[in-house]
C-alpha atoms as a PDB file:
ATOM      1  CA  MET A   1      24.358 -27.862 -39.884  1.00  0.00           C
ATOM      2  CA  ALA A   2      21.996 -27.343 -36.873  1.00  0.00           C
ATOM      3  CA  THR A   3      19.007 -29.556 -36.317  1.00  0.00           C
ATOM      4  CA  GLY A   4      15.480 -28.228 -35.747  1.00  0.00           C
ATOM      5  CA  ALA A   5      15.639 -28.818 -31.959  1.00  0.00           C
ATOM      6  CA  GLU A   6      18.924 -26.901 -31.596  1.00  0.00           C
ATOM      7  CA  THR A   7      17.550 -23.988 -33.620  1.00  0.00           C
ATOM      8  CA  ALA A   8      14.422 -23.800 -31.429  1.00  0.00           C
ATOM      9  CA  GLU A   9      16.562 -23.792 -28.241  1.00  0.00           C
ATOM     10  CA  THR A  10      18.792 -21.031 -29.595  1.00  0.00           C
ATOM     11  CA  ALA A  11      15.776 -18.922 -30.589  1.00  0.00           C
ATOM     12  CA  GLU A  12      14.128 -19.397 -27.166  1.00  0.00           C
ATOM     13  CA  HIS A  13      17.355 -18.459 -25.351  1.00  0.00           C
ATOM     14  CA  SER A  14      17.817 -15.270 -27.385  1.00  0.00           C
ATOM     15  CA  LEU A  15      14.163 -14.295 -26.761  1.00  0.00           C
ATOM     16  CA  LYS A  16      14.602 -14.694 -22.978  1.00  0.00           C
ATOM     17  CA  SER A  17      17.786 -12.621 -22.919  1.00  0.00           C
ATOM     18  CA  THR A  18      16.093  -9.906 -25.013  1.00  0.00           C
ATOM     19  CA  ARG A  19      13.172  -9.726 -22.544  1.00  0.00           C
ATOM     20  CA  ALA A  20      15.501  -9.464 -19.553  1.00  0.00           C
ATOM     21  CA  SER A  21      17.601  -6.703 -21.083  1.00  0.00           C
ATOM     22  CA  THR A  22      14.483  -4.783 -22.178  1.00  0.00           C
ATOM     23  CA  HIS A  23      13.019  -5.020 -18.654  1.00  0.00           C
ATOM     24  CA  TYR A  24      16.321  -3.868 -17.138  1.00  0.00           C
ATOM     25  CA  ARG A  25      16.452  -0.831 -19.463  1.00  0.00           C
ATOM     26  CA  CYS A  26      12.806   0.134 -18.897  1.00  0.00           C
ATOM     27  CA  THR A  27      13.013   0.122 -15.097  1.00  0.00           C
ATOM     28  CA  GLY A  28      16.198   2.158 -14.936  1.00  0.00           C
ATOM     29  CA  GLY A  29      18.276  -0.735 -13.673  1.00  0.00           C
ATOM     30  CA  ALA A  30      16.198  -1.612 -10.614  1.00  0.00           C
ATOM     31  CA  MET A  31      12.727  -2.787  -9.718  1.00  0.00           C
ATOM     32  CA  ALA A  32      10.421   0.001  -8.569  1.00  0.00           C
ATOM     33  CA  ASN A  33       9.315  -0.332  -4.931  1.00  0.00           C
ATOM     34  CA  LYS A  34       5.835   0.476  -3.722  1.00  0.00           C
ATOM     35  CA  GLU A  35       5.688   3.605  -1.610  1.00  0.00           C
ATOM     36  CA  GLU A  36       5.998   3.042   2.114  1.00  0.00           C
ATOM     37  CA  LYS A  37       3.144   4.027   4.409  1.00  0.00           C
ATOM     38  CA  VAL A  38       3.713   5.856   7.680  1.00  0.00           C
ATOM     39  CA  GLU A  39       1.859   4.355  10.644  1.00  0.00           C
ATOM     40  CA  PHE A  40       0.698   6.415  13.656  1.00  0.00           C
ATOM     41  CA  GLU A  41      -1.418   5.734  16.730  1.00  0.00           C
ATOM     42  CA  GLY A  42      -4.127   8.137  17.799  1.00  0.00           C
ATOM     43  CA  GLU A  43      -7.554   8.664  19.316  1.00  0.00           C
ATOM     44  CA  VAL A  44     -10.849   9.093  17.478  1.00  0.00           C
ATOM     45  CA  LEU A  45     -12.284  12.557  18.177  1.00  0.00           C
ATOM     46  CA  GLU A  46     -15.312  12.616  15.906  1.00  0.00           C
ATOM     47  CA  ALA A  47     -17.204  10.180  13.684  1.00  0.00           C
ATOM     48  CA  PHE A  48     -18.564  11.365  10.330  1.00  0.00           C
ATOM     49  CA  ARG A  49     -20.836   9.605   7.854  1.00  0.00           C
ATOM     50  CA  SER A  50     -19.683   6.826   5.538  1.00  0.00           C
ATOM     51  CA  GLY A  51     -16.864   5.555   7.745  1.00  0.00           C
ATOM     52  CA  MET A  52     -14.855   8.787   8.056  1.00  0.00           C
ATOM     53  CA  TYR A  53     -13.291   9.862  11.361  1.00  0.00           C
ATOM     54  CA  ARG A  54     -11.264  12.754  12.768  1.00  0.00           C
ATOM     55  CA  ILE A  55      -8.166  11.368  14.505  1.00  0.00           C
ATOM     56  CA  LEU A  56      -5.900  13.146  17.027  1.00  0.00           C
ATOM     57  CA  PHE A  57      -2.380  11.707  17.021  1.00  0.00           C
ATOM     58  CA  GLU A  58      -0.053  11.506  20.004  1.00  0.00           C
ATOM     59  CA  ASN A  59       2.149  14.255  18.539  1.00  0.00           C
ATOM     60  CA  GLY A  60      -0.781  16.725  18.435  1.00  0.00           C
ATOM     61  CA  HIS A  61      -1.610  16.587  14.714  1.00  0.00           C
ATOM     62  CA  GLU A  62      -5.094  15.820  13.383  1.00  0.00           C
ATOM     63  CA  ALA A  63      -6.144  13.907  10.289  1.00  0.00           C
ATOM     64  CA  ILE A  64      -9.239  12.590   8.559  1.00  0.00           C
ATOM     65  CA  ALA A  65      -9.226   8.805   8.172  1.00  0.00           C
ATOM     66  CA  TYR A  66     -11.513   6.154   6.722  1.00  0.00           C
ATOM     67  CA  THR A  67     -11.946   2.546   7.768  1.00  0.00           C
ATOM     68  CA  SER A  68     -10.002  -0.027   5.771  1.00  0.00           C
ATOM     69  CA  GLY A  69     -11.842  -2.525   3.602  1.00  0.00           C
ATOM     70  CA  ARG A  70     -11.172  -5.465   5.916  1.00  0.00           C
ATOM     71  CA  MET A  71     -12.589  -3.526   8.889  1.00  0.00           C
ATOM     72  CA  ARG A  72     -15.724  -2.736   6.871  1.00  0.00           C
ATOM     73  CA  ARG A  73     -16.014  -6.345   5.748  1.00  0.00           C
ATOM     74  CA  PHE A  74     -15.949  -7.661   9.323  1.00  0.00           C
ATOM     75  CA  ARG A  75     -18.103  -4.749  10.579  1.00  0.00           C
ATOM     76  CA  ILE A  76     -15.658  -3.535  13.224  1.00  0.00           C
ATOM     77  CA  ARG A  77     -17.253  -0.576  14.982  1.00  0.00           C
ATOM     78  CA  ILE A  78     -15.236   2.521  15.834  1.00  0.00           C
ATOM     79  CA  ASN A  79     -16.519   5.071  18.332  1.00  0.00           C
ATOM     80  CA  PRO A  80     -15.160   8.430  19.530  1.00  0.00           C
ATOM     81  CA  GLY A  81     -12.572   7.795  22.239  1.00  0.00           C
ATOM     82  CA  ASP A  82     -11.218   4.570  20.682  1.00  0.00           C
ATOM     83  CA  ARG A  83      -7.463   4.161  20.155  1.00  0.00           C
ATOM     84  CA  VAL A  84      -6.621   3.295  16.528  1.00  0.00           C
ATOM     85  CA  LYS A  85      -3.636   2.724  14.229  1.00  0.00           C
ATOM     86  CA  VAL A  86      -3.683   4.821  11.067  1.00  0.00           C
ATOM     87  CA  GLU A  87      -1.633   4.454   7.871  1.00  0.00           C
ATOM     88  CA  LEU A  88      -0.736   7.748   6.215  1.00  0.00           C
ATOM     89  CA  SER A  89       0.801   8.389   2.841  1.00  0.00           C
ATOM     90  CA  PRO A  90       4.057  10.366   2.993  1.00  0.00           C
ATOM     91  CA  TYR A  91       2.550  12.720   0.379  1.00  0.00           C
ATOM     92  CA  ASP A  92      -0.560  13.739   2.361  1.00  0.00           C
ATOM     93  CA  LEU A  93      -0.316  13.563   6.155  1.00  0.00           C
ATOM     94  CA  ALA A  94      -3.838  14.954   6.632  1.00  0.00           C
ATOM     95  CA  ARG A  95      -5.667  11.877   5.240  1.00  0.00           C
ATOM     96  CA  GLY A  96      -5.261   8.245   6.191  1.00  0.00           C
ATOM     97  CA  ARG A  97      -6.724   4.770   6.570  1.00  0.00           C
ATOM     98  CA  ILE A  98      -7.611   3.152   9.907  1.00  0.00           C
ATOM     99  CA  VAL A  99      -6.077  -0.317   9.919  1.00  0.00           C
ATOM    100  CA  TYR A 100      -6.479  -1.425  13.554  1.00  0.00           C
ATOM    101  CA  ARG A 101      -8.684  -0.612  16.559  1.00  0.00           C
ATOM    102  CA  GLU A 102      -7.129  -1.113  20.000  1.00  0.00           C
ATOM    103  CA  ARG A 103      -9.157  -3.054  22.534  1.00  0.00           C
END
């Protein structure tokens, strides 16, 4: 006959294995990765209100971008003519986020 401690260990082990198998089934067998951002360098053409800018990339495309939260927090100023790095989503290449201003 099993003691109380052995029964508790067996119950805990079966609970852990049930959680793992449930997680494996729910995710389709693999952990979901966060979408990757595409990073481009460009030049600021025009500054709009509320931290929005028109950016011209080296390949000739244009996009509208906003300043990232950390750049707003540290009050980094961006002026037309500045070189910047912009993160774009692979789903919408016309909008992005400015993550770095070149010196």
